[in-house]
Amino acid sequence: MTSLNLFLTLGILGMDFLIFVLFQWTFGDKRRAMQRKLAAYRQTQEATGRPYLVSSSKPGVVTQQRLQKVRERISGGVREKKLA
């Protein structure tokens, strides 16, 4: 009777281990995948040399032209309303 119990115990433990291996193989470990993605992201950030973009405090020529056009439209609209 004890040999049957030992056989069943080892068989159940073996099947549990095989199920665990199957799930790890099919679904993988989410933590490892996240760590790999984070490591890849950090490597790309280090490779670029500039982790963030610093904009100039002085606007460019195109931006100044756009601002001037907007100001002209706004001031023109106010003049038309005052005349009417």
N, C-alpha and C. Protein backbone atom coordinates (compact mmCIF):
# COMPACT_ATOMS: atom_id res chain seq x y z
N MET A 1 0.81 -1.19 0.00
CA MET A 1 0.00 0.00 0.00
C MET A 1 0.86 1.26 0.00
N THR A 2 1.97 1.27 0.68
CA THR A 2 2.82 2.46 0.73
C THR A 2 3.49 2.72 -0.61
N SER A 3 3.79 1.69 -1.35
CA SER A 3 4.41 1.91 -2.66
C SER A 3 3.40 2.56 -3.62
N LEU A 4 2.13 2.22 -3.50
CA LEU A 4 1.10 2.84 -4.32
C LEU A 4 0.95 4.32 -3.96
N ASN A 5 0.97 4.62 -2.67
CA ASN A 5 0.90 6.02 -2.22
C ASN A 5 2.09 6.82 -2.73
N LEU A 6 3.26 6.22 -2.65
CA LEU A 6 4.47 6.90 -3.13
C LEU A 6 4.39 7.14 -4.63
N PHE A 7 3.91 6.14 -5.38
CA PHE A 7 3.77 6.29 -6.83
C PHE A 7 2.78 7.40 -7.18
N LEU A 8 1.63 7.43 -6.52
CA LEU A 8 0.64 8.48 -6.77
C LEU A 8 1.17 9.86 -6.39
N THR A 9 1.87 9.96 -5.30
CA THR A 9 2.44 11.23 -4.86
C THR A 9 3.43 11.76 -5.88
N LEU A 10 4.35 10.92 -6.31
CA LEU A 10 5.33 11.34 -7.30
C LEU A 10 4.69 11.66 -8.65
N GLY A 11 3.67 10.88 -9.02
CA GLY A 11 2.96 11.14 -10.27
C GLY A 11 2.24 12.48 -10.25
N ILE A 12 1.57 12.79 -9.15
CA ILE A 12 0.85 14.06 -9.04
C ILE A 12 1.83 15.23 -9.02
N LEU A 13 2.92 15.09 -8.27
CA LEU A 13 3.92 16.16 -8.24
C LEU A 13 4.55 16.36 -9.61
N GLY A 14 4.80 15.28 -10.33
CA GLY A 14 5.35 15.38 -11.68
C GLY A 14 4.39 16.08 -12.64
N MET A 15 3.12 15.74 -12.56
CA MET A 15 2.14 16.40 -13.41
C MET A 15 2.01 17.89 -13.07
N ASP A 16 2.04 18.22 -11.80
CA ASP A 16 2.01 19.63 -11.40
C ASP A 16 3.21 20.39 -11.98
N PHE A 17 4.37 19.76 -11.92
CA PHE A 17 5.55 20.41 -12.47
C PHE A 17 5.43 20.60 -13.98
N LEU A 18 4.91 19.59 -14.68
CA LEU A 18 4.74 19.71 -16.13
C LEU A 18 3.72 20.79 -16.49
N ILE A 19 2.65 20.91 -15.71
CA ILE A 19 1.67 21.97 -15.95
C ILE A 19 2.31 23.34 -15.72
N PHE A 20 3.10 23.46 -14.66
CA PHE A 20 3.79 24.72 -14.39
C PHE A 20 4.71 25.10 -15.54
N VAL A 21 5.50 24.13 -16.03
CA VAL A 21 6.41 24.39 -17.14
C VAL A 21 5.63 24.78 -18.39
N LEU A 22 4.52 24.12 -18.65
CA LEU A 22 3.70 24.43 -19.82
C LEU A 22 3.17 25.86 -19.75
N PHE A 23 2.66 26.27 -18.60
CA PHE A 23 2.15 27.64 -18.46
C PHE A 23 3.27 28.67 -18.59
N GLN A 24 4.42 28.38 -18.02
CA GLN A 24 5.54 29.32 -18.16
C GLN A 24 5.99 29.42 -19.61
N TRP A 25 5.97 28.33 -20.33
CA TRP A 25 6.40 28.33 -21.72
C TRP A 25 5.39 29.06 -22.60
N THR A 26 4.09 28.87 -22.34
CA THR A 26 3.09 29.50 -23.20
C THR A 26 2.87 30.97 -22.86
N PHE A 27 2.72 31.31 -21.60
CA PHE A 27 2.40 32.68 -21.21
C PHE A 27 3.61 33.50 -20.83
N GLY A 28 4.65 32.87 -20.38
CA GLY A 28 5.87 33.57 -20.00
C GLY A 28 5.70 34.33 -18.71
N ASP A 29 6.79 34.88 -18.25
CA ASP A 29 6.77 35.65 -17.02
C ASP A 29 6.63 37.11 -17.37
N LYS A 30 5.59 37.73 -16.91
CA LYS A 30 5.32 39.13 -17.25
C LYS A 30 6.40 40.07 -16.70
N ARG A 31 6.93 39.75 -15.56
CA ARG A 31 7.96 40.61 -14.97
C ARG A 31 9.21 40.66 -15.86
N ARG A 32 9.60 39.54 -16.38
CA ARG A 32 10.78 39.51 -17.23
C ARG A 32 10.56 40.30 -18.51
N ALA A 33 9.36 40.19 -19.06
CA ALA A 33 9.06 40.93 -20.29
C ALA A 33 9.07 42.43 -20.01
N MET A 34 8.53 42.84 -18.87
CA MET A 34 8.53 44.26 -18.52
C MET A 34 9.95 44.76 -18.29
N GLN A 35 10.78 43.95 -17.65
CA GLN A 35 12.16 44.35 -17.42
C GLN A 35 12.92 44.48 -18.73
N ARG A 36 12.65 43.58 -19.69
CA ARG A 36 13.32 43.67 -20.99
C ARG A 36 12.89 44.93 -21.74
N LYS A 37 11.61 45.25 -21.69
CA LYS A 37 11.12 46.46 -22.36
C LYS A 37 11.73 47.71 -21.72
N LEU A 38 11.80 47.73 -20.40
CA LEU A 38 12.36 48.88 -19.70
C LEU A 38 13.85 49.02 -20.03
N ALA A 39 14.57 47.93 -20.08
CA ALA A 39 15.99 47.98 -20.41
C ALA A 39 16.19 48.48 -21.84
N ALA A 40 15.36 48.04 -22.76
CA ALA A 40 15.46 48.50 -24.15
C ALA A 40 15.15 49.99 -24.24
N TYR A 41 14.15 50.45 -23.50
CA TYR A 41 13.80 51.87 -23.49
C TYR A 41 14.95 52.71 -22.95
N ARG A 42 15.55 52.24 -21.87
CA ARG A 42 16.67 52.99 -21.29
C ARG A 42 17.86 53.05 -22.23
N GLN A 43 18.10 51.96 -22.96
CA GLN A 43 19.21 51.97 -23.91
C GLN A 43 18.97 52.96 -25.03
N THR A 44 17.74 53.05 -25.51
CA THR A 44 17.46 54.02 -26.59
C THR A 44 17.56 55.44 -26.07
N GLN A 45 17.17 55.67 -24.82
CA GLN A 45 17.28 57.01 -24.25
C GLN A 45 18.74 57.41 -24.07
N GLU A 46 19.57 56.47 -23.65
CA GLU A 46 20.99 56.77 -23.48
C GLU A 46 21.67 56.97 -24.82
N ALA A 47 21.22 56.27 -25.84
CA ALA A 47 21.84 56.36 -27.15
C ALA A 47 21.57 57.72 -27.82
N THR A 48 20.40 58.30 -27.55
CA THR A 48 20.08 59.57 -28.18
C THR A 48 20.90 60.71 -27.60
N GLY A 49 21.22 60.64 -26.33
CA GLY A 49 22.01 61.69 -25.72
C GLY A 49 21.19 62.84 -25.16
N ARG A 50 19.97 63.03 -25.65
CA ARG A 50 19.10 64.08 -25.13
C ARG A 50 17.78 63.44 -24.71
N PRO A 51 17.59 63.23 -23.42
CA PRO A 51 16.37 62.57 -22.99
C PRO A 51 15.13 63.44 -23.13
N TYR A 52 15.28 64.76 -23.22
CA TYR A 52 14.14 65.63 -23.39
C TYR A 52 14.53 66.79 -24.29
N LEU A 53 13.56 67.46 -24.83
CA LEU A 53 13.79 68.55 -25.76
C LEU A 53 13.64 69.87 -25.03
N VAL A 54 14.61 70.74 -25.18
CA VAL A 54 14.55 72.07 -24.58
C VAL A 54 14.27 73.05 -25.70
N SER A 55 13.14 73.73 -25.60
CA SER A 55 12.80 74.69 -26.65
C SER A 55 13.44 76.03 -26.36
N SER A 56 13.66 76.77 -27.40
CA SER A 56 14.28 78.07 -27.27
C SER A 56 13.27 79.06 -26.72
N SER A 57 13.73 80.00 -25.92
CA SER A 57 12.83 81.01 -25.37
C SER A 57 12.48 82.05 -26.43
N LYS A 58 13.29 82.18 -27.46
CA LYS A 58 13.04 83.12 -28.53
C LYS A 58 12.30 82.39 -29.66
N PRO A 59 11.11 82.88 -30.06
CA PRO A 59 10.37 82.20 -31.12
C PRO A 59 11.07 82.35 -32.47
N GLY A 60 10.88 81.37 -33.34
CA GLY A 60 11.48 81.39 -34.66
C GLY A 60 10.78 82.37 -35.59
N VAL A 61 11.30 82.51 -36.80
CA VAL A 61 10.77 83.46 -37.77
C VAL A 61 9.34 83.08 -38.16
N VAL A 62 9.10 81.80 -38.41
CA VAL A 62 7.77 81.36 -38.82
C VAL A 62 6.77 81.59 -37.70
N THR A 63 7.18 81.32 -36.48
CA THR A 63 6.29 81.53 -35.34
C THR A 63 5.96 83.01 -35.18
N GLN A 64 6.94 83.86 -35.36
CA GLN A 64 6.68 85.30 -35.25
C GLN A 64 5.71 85.76 -36.33
N GLN A 65 5.84 85.23 -37.54
CA GLN A 65 4.93 85.61 -38.61
C GLN A 65 3.50 85.15 -38.30
N ARG A 66 3.36 83.96 -37.80
CA ARG A 66 2.03 83.45 -37.44
C ARG A 66 1.41 84.30 -36.33
N LEU A 67 2.20 84.62 -35.33
CA LEU A 67 1.69 85.46 -34.24
C LEU A 67 1.25 86.82 -34.74
N GLN A 68 2.01 87.39 -35.65
CA GLN A 68 1.66 88.70 -36.20
C GLN A 68 0.35 88.61 -36.98
N LYS A 69 0.14 87.56 -37.76
CA LYS A 69 -1.10 87.39 -38.51
C LYS A 69 -2.29 87.24 -37.56
N VAL A 70 -2.11 86.47 -36.50
CA VAL A 70 -3.20 86.30 -35.53
C VAL A 70 -3.52 87.62 -34.86
N ARG A 71 -2.51 88.37 -34.47
CA ARG A 71 -2.75 89.67 -33.84
C ARG A 71 -3.46 90.63 -34.79
N GLU A 72 -3.09 90.58 -36.08
CA GLU A 72 -3.76 91.44 -37.06
C GLU A 72 -5.23 91.06 -37.22
N ARG A 73 -5.50 89.77 -37.24
CA ARG A 73 -6.89 89.31 -37.35
C ARG A 73 -7.70 89.74 -36.14
N ILE A 74 -7.11 89.59 -34.97
CA ILE A 74 -7.82 89.95 -33.75
C ILE A 74 -8.08 91.45 -33.71
N SER A 75 -7.06 92.22 -33.97
CA SER A 75 -7.24 93.67 -33.92
C SER A 75 -8.17 94.16 -35.04
N GLY A 76 -8.14 93.52 -36.21
CA GLY A 76 -9.06 93.87 -37.30
C GLY A 76 -10.49 93.56 -36.95
N GLY A 77 -10.72 92.46 -36.26
CA GLY A 77 -12.07 92.07 -35.85
C GLY A 77 -12.62 93.03 -34.82
N VAL A 78 -11.78 93.53 -33.93
CA VAL A 78 -12.22 94.47 -32.90
C VAL A 78 -12.59 95.80 -33.54
N ARG A 79 -11.83 96.26 -34.53
CA ARG A 79 -12.12 97.52 -35.20
C ARG A 79 -13.46 97.44 -35.94
N GLU A 80 -13.73 96.32 -36.61
CA GLU A 80 -14.98 96.18 -37.34
C GLU A 80 -16.17 96.22 -36.40
N LYS A 81 -16.06 95.61 -35.21
CA LYS A 81 -17.15 95.61 -34.27
C LYS A 81 -17.38 97.01 -33.71
N LYS A 82 -16.33 97.78 -33.50
CA LYS A 82 -16.49 99.14 -32.97
C LYS A 82 -17.14 100.05 -34.01
N LEU A 83 -16.83 99.84 -35.28
CA LEU A 83 -17.40 100.69 -36.33
C LEU A 83 -18.88 100.36 -36.56
N ALA A 84 -19.28 99.16 -36.35
CA ALA A 84 -20.67 98.76 -36.63
C ALA A 84 -21.58 99.17 -35.53
